[in-house]
Amino acid sequence: MSITVLLADDHAVLRDGLRLLLEAHPDIKVVADVATGG
């Protein structure tokens, strides 16, 4: 089973770090990251 993730945070360093951590897991797919939710 695959988990799809969209990262939303205004800190680019945090988004990049989370993306690296999450994409290291074979069942997690980060489909996008955004700086704002609005």
Protein backbone atom coordinates (compact mmCIF):
# COMPACT_ATOMS: atom_id res chain seq x y z
CA MET A 1 0.00 0.00 0.00
CA SER A 2 1.38 3.40 -1.00
CA ILE A 3 1.06 6.61 1.02
CA THR A 4 0.77 9.86 -0.93
CA VAL A 5 1.97 13.06 0.75
CA LEU A 6 1.77 16.78 0.03
CA LEU A 7 4.17 18.85 2.16
CA ALA A 8 3.07 22.35 3.15
CA ASP A 9 5.34 24.60 5.19
CA ASP A 10 6.72 28.10 4.76
CA HIS A 11 10.30 27.00 5.53
CA ALA A 12 12.02 25.58 2.44
CA VAL A 13 14.74 23.85 4.47
CA LEU A 14 12.13 21.97 6.50
CA ARG A 15 10.23 20.93 3.35
CA ASP A 16 13.42 19.71 1.69
CA GLY A 17 14.49 17.74 4.76
CA LEU A 18 11.09 16.13 5.21
CA ARG A 19 10.97 15.24 1.52
CA LEU A 20 14.34 13.47 1.79
CA LEU A 21 13.27 11.56 4.89
CA LEU A 22 9.88 10.55 3.50
CA GLU A 23 11.14 9.57 0.05
CA ALA A 24 13.69 7.24 1.66
CA HIS A 25 10.73 5.02 2.58
CA PRO A 26 9.64 2.84 -0.37
CA ASP A 27 5.91 3.11 0.43
CA ILE A 28 5.77 6.92 0.63
CA LYS A 29 5.44 9.17 -2.42
CA VAL A 30 5.73 12.95 -2.02
CA VAL A 31 3.65 14.39 -4.86
CA ALA A 32 4.24 18.09 -4.15
CA ASP A 33 5.51 20.63 -1.71
CA VAL A 34 4.17 24.14 -1.26
CA ALA A 35 5.18 27.20 0.73
CA THR A 36 1.63 28.35 1.51
CA GLY A 37 -1.73 26.70 1.86
CA GLY A 38 -3.74 29.64 0.55
